[in-house]
Amino acid sequence: MKYLMAFLVSILLGASAVTILAQEAHISDQGEYSIELPSNLWRSIAESDTVRERAEFVYGDRMDGYLQIRKEIVDAGTSPEDVALRDQDQKLRYIPGFVEGKQEPFSGRLNGVTASYEFTKAGKPMMGRIYYLQADNRTIYALRFTGLRDKLARIRNQTDSIARSFKLK
């Protein structure tokens, strides 16, 4: 009887672990790429329109985690590092309270770099983490995560997982 109970408990624990680890796949409207969302707390809030593709997701609440996916067409030979530096010079440095973080290489289905930074929004400490993923010599996808500094740092494993799951169709 003890063995039967232990067996049933292990089956139930295994089934709940599979449910927790289940990932939801999201395919872009134009079918260009797909990502896997590691938790059912991630949900889509914006989709493409006829003019441009724009995918946006939130993790519970926008302040907990917010993701924008953008496709960038660049000059041939432009590296993800170049795009990260350009974004920092032309966009990020003008965000209130901007503090530059570090840039690190990133490996997944597509390789590239990550750039981290901090800023303030409505007096609250925020954090941003952008994954620049090289699709080909003229296309770089930017996965832009933002959220409250403490909350975004806690889901770093999920942001990494989403970026690693990014694949072209």
Protein backbone atom coordinates (compact mmCIF):
# COMPACT_ATOMS: atom_id res chain seq x y z
CA MET A 1 0.00 0.00 0.00
CA LYS A 2 2.88 2.39 0.81
CA TYR A 3 4.43 1.75 -2.59
CA LEU A 4 1.13 2.37 -4.34
CA MET A 5 0.68 5.70 -2.51
CA ALA A 6 4.27 6.73 -3.28
CA PHE A 7 3.74 5.83 -6.94
CA LEU A 8 0.51 7.86 -7.15
CA VAL A 9 2.10 10.87 -5.44
CA SER A 10 5.04 10.78 -7.87
CA ILE A 11 2.67 10.64 -10.83
CA LEU A 12 0.71 13.64 -9.52
CA LEU A 13 3.88 15.63 -8.88
CA GLY A 14 5.17 14.79 -12.34
CA ALA A 15 1.91 15.85 -13.97
CA SER A 16 1.88 19.16 -12.09
CA ALA A 17 5.51 19.80 -13.07
CA VAL A 18 4.64 19.24 -16.73
CA THR A 19 1.75 21.70 -16.41
CA ILE A 20 4.00 24.30 -14.78
CA LEU A 21 6.71 23.86 -17.40
CA ALA A 22 4.29 24.00 -20.33
CA GLN A 23 5.19 26.69 -22.81
CA GLU A 24 2.86 28.52 -25.12
CA ALA A 25 4.08 29.07 -28.67
CA HIS A 26 3.31 32.37 -30.35
CA ILE A 27 3.69 32.79 -34.13
CA SER A 28 3.83 36.27 -35.64
CA ASP A 29 0.90 37.34 -37.78
CA GLN A 30 3.01 37.34 -40.93
CA GLY A 31 4.44 33.98 -39.94
CA GLU A 32 8.02 35.28 -39.97
CA TYR A 33 9.01 34.02 -36.52
CA SER A 34 7.82 32.20 -33.44
CA ILE A 35 8.61 32.43 -29.74
CA GLU A 36 7.74 30.28 -26.76
CA LEU A 37 6.25 32.02 -23.73
CA PRO A 38 7.44 30.10 -20.64
CA SER A 39 4.49 30.97 -18.39
CA ASN A 40 0.77 31.50 -18.81
CA LEU A 41 1.28 34.89 -17.12
CA TRP A 42 2.66 36.16 -20.45
CA ARG A 43 -0.11 37.33 -22.75
CA SER A 44 -0.29 39.16 -26.05
CA ILE A 45 -1.59 42.74 -25.96
CA ALA A 46 -0.84 44.06 -29.46
CA GLU A 47 -0.58 42.50 -32.86
CA SER A 48 0.43 43.63 -36.30
CA ASP A 49 -1.50 46.02 -38.42
CA THR A 50 -1.42 46.42 -42.18
CA VAL A 51 1.47 48.90 -42.08
CA ARG A 52 3.98 47.19 -39.79
CA GLU A 53 4.46 44.17 -37.63
CA ARG A 54 4.43 44.85 -33.93
CA ALA A 55 4.10 42.24 -31.27
CA GLU A 56 3.72 43.20 -27.62
CA PHE A 57 3.32 41.05 -24.54
CA VAL A 58 2.96 41.64 -20.81
CA TYR A 59 3.88 39.49 -17.85
CA GLY A 60 0.87 39.93 -15.58
CA ASP A 61 1.01 43.73 -15.49
CA ARG A 62 2.92 46.08 -17.79
CA MET A 63 5.13 47.21 -14.87
CA ASP A 64 6.05 43.58 -14.03
CA GLY A 65 7.28 42.82 -17.52
CA TYR A 66 6.61 44.24 -20.96
CA LEU A 67 8.00 42.87 -24.24
CA GLN A 68 8.07 44.51 -27.67
CA ILE A 69 9.41 42.63 -30.68
CA ARG A 70 10.64 44.72 -33.60
CA LYS A 71 12.27 43.78 -36.88
CA GLU A 72 15.02 46.13 -38.01
CA ILE A 73 16.38 46.26 -41.54
CA VAL A 74 19.99 47.43 -41.43
CA ASP A 75 22.84 48.01 -43.87
CA ALA A 76 24.63 44.84 -44.95
CA GLY A 77 27.29 43.86 -42.46
CA THR A 78 25.79 45.77 -39.53
CA SER A 79 26.30 43.75 -36.36
CA PRO A 80 23.95 43.45 -33.38
CA GLU A 81 26.59 45.34 -31.36
CA ASP A 82 26.38 48.23 -33.83
CA VAL A 83 22.58 48.37 -33.51
CA ALA A 84 22.83 48.26 -29.69
CA LEU A 85 25.26 51.19 -29.68
CA ARG A 86 23.13 53.15 -32.15
CA ASP A 87 20.00 52.61 -30.01
CA GLN A 88 21.85 53.73 -26.91
CA ASP A 89 23.13 56.89 -28.62
CA GLN A 90 19.93 57.81 -30.43
CA LYS A 91 17.11 56.56 -28.15
CA LEU A 92 17.93 55.18 -24.74
CA ARG A 93 20.16 57.97 -23.43
CA TYR A 94 17.18 60.37 -23.57
CA ILE A 95 15.00 58.28 -21.24
CA PRO A 96 14.67 59.96 -17.81
CA GLY A 97 17.19 58.62 -15.30
CA PHE A 98 18.99 56.51 -17.92
CA VAL A 99 21.95 54.54 -16.56
CA GLU A 100 23.92 52.45 -19.03
CA GLY A 101 24.36 48.78 -18.19
CA LYS A 102 26.56 46.22 -19.81
CA GLN A 103 26.43 44.62 -23.21
CA GLU A 104 26.93 40.85 -23.37
CA PRO A 105 27.05 38.24 -26.13
CA PHE A 106 23.93 36.08 -26.38
CA SER A 107 23.46 32.61 -27.86
CA GLY A 108 20.17 31.00 -28.79
CA ARG A 109 18.56 29.81 -32.01
CA LEU A 110 19.71 33.21 -33.26
CA ASN A 111 22.86 34.79 -31.85
CA GLY A 112 23.44 38.41 -30.94
CA VAL A 113 23.97 40.63 -27.92
CA THR A 114 22.01 41.86 -24.93
CA ALA A 115 22.07 45.39 -23.60
CA SER A 116 20.85 46.21 -20.11
CA TYR A 117 20.03 49.62 -18.68
CA GLU A 118 18.14 51.29 -15.86
CA PHE A 119 15.83 54.29 -15.92
CA THR A 120 12.99 55.88 -13.97
CA LYS A 121 9.32 56.07 -14.84
CA ALA A 122 6.86 57.97 -12.65
CA GLY A 123 9.55 58.06 -9.95
CA LYS A 124 9.93 54.27 -9.92
CA PRO A 125 13.20 52.43 -10.61
CA MET A 126 12.85 50.58 -13.91
CA MET A 127 15.05 48.24 -15.89
CA GLY A 128 15.36 47.44 -19.58
CA ARG A 129 16.97 44.50 -21.30
CA ILE A 130 17.16 44.30 -25.08
CA TYR A 131 18.12 41.19 -27.03
CA TYR A 132 19.46 42.05 -30.49
CA LEU A 133 19.25 38.85 -32.56
CA GLN A 134 20.88 38.58 -36.00
CA ALA A 135 18.59 36.88 -38.53
CA ASP A 136 20.77 37.56 -41.60
CA ASN A 137 23.28 40.19 -42.74
CA ARG A 138 20.48 42.79 -43.18
CA THR A 139 17.93 41.83 -40.50
CA ILE A 140 18.14 42.14 -36.74
CA TYR A 141 15.24 41.47 -34.38
CA ALA A 142 15.09 43.47 -31.16
CA LEU A 143 13.28 41.93 -28.20
CA ARG A 144 12.81 44.84 -25.78
CA PHE A 145 11.89 43.93 -22.21
CA THR A 146 11.09 46.59 -19.60
CA GLY A 147 9.64 46.51 -16.10
CA LEU A 148 10.18 47.48 -12.50
CA ARG A 149 13.84 46.84 -11.72
CA ASP A 150 13.23 44.21 -9.04
CA LYS A 151 10.48 42.40 -10.90
CA LEU A 152 12.25 42.24 -14.27
CA ALA A 153 15.41 40.99 -12.59
CA ARG A 154 13.38 38.15 -11.01
CA ILE A 155 12.12 36.91 -14.39
CA ARG A 156 15.51 37.11 -16.13
CA ASN A 157 15.42 33.35 -16.70
CA GLN A 158 12.12 33.83 -18.57
CA THR A 159 13.39 36.71 -20.72
CA ASP A 160 16.44 34.61 -21.63
CA SER A 161 14.20 31.64 -22.39
CA ILE A 162 11.94 33.69 -24.67
CA ALA A 163 14.95 35.09 -26.56
CA ARG A 164 16.50 31.61 -26.89
CA SER A 165 13.22 30.25 -28.26
CA PHE A 166 13.00 32.96 -30.97
CA LYS A 167 13.20 31.27 -34.36
CA LEU A 168 12.48 32.19 -37.94
CA LYS A 169 9.84 30.27 -39.88
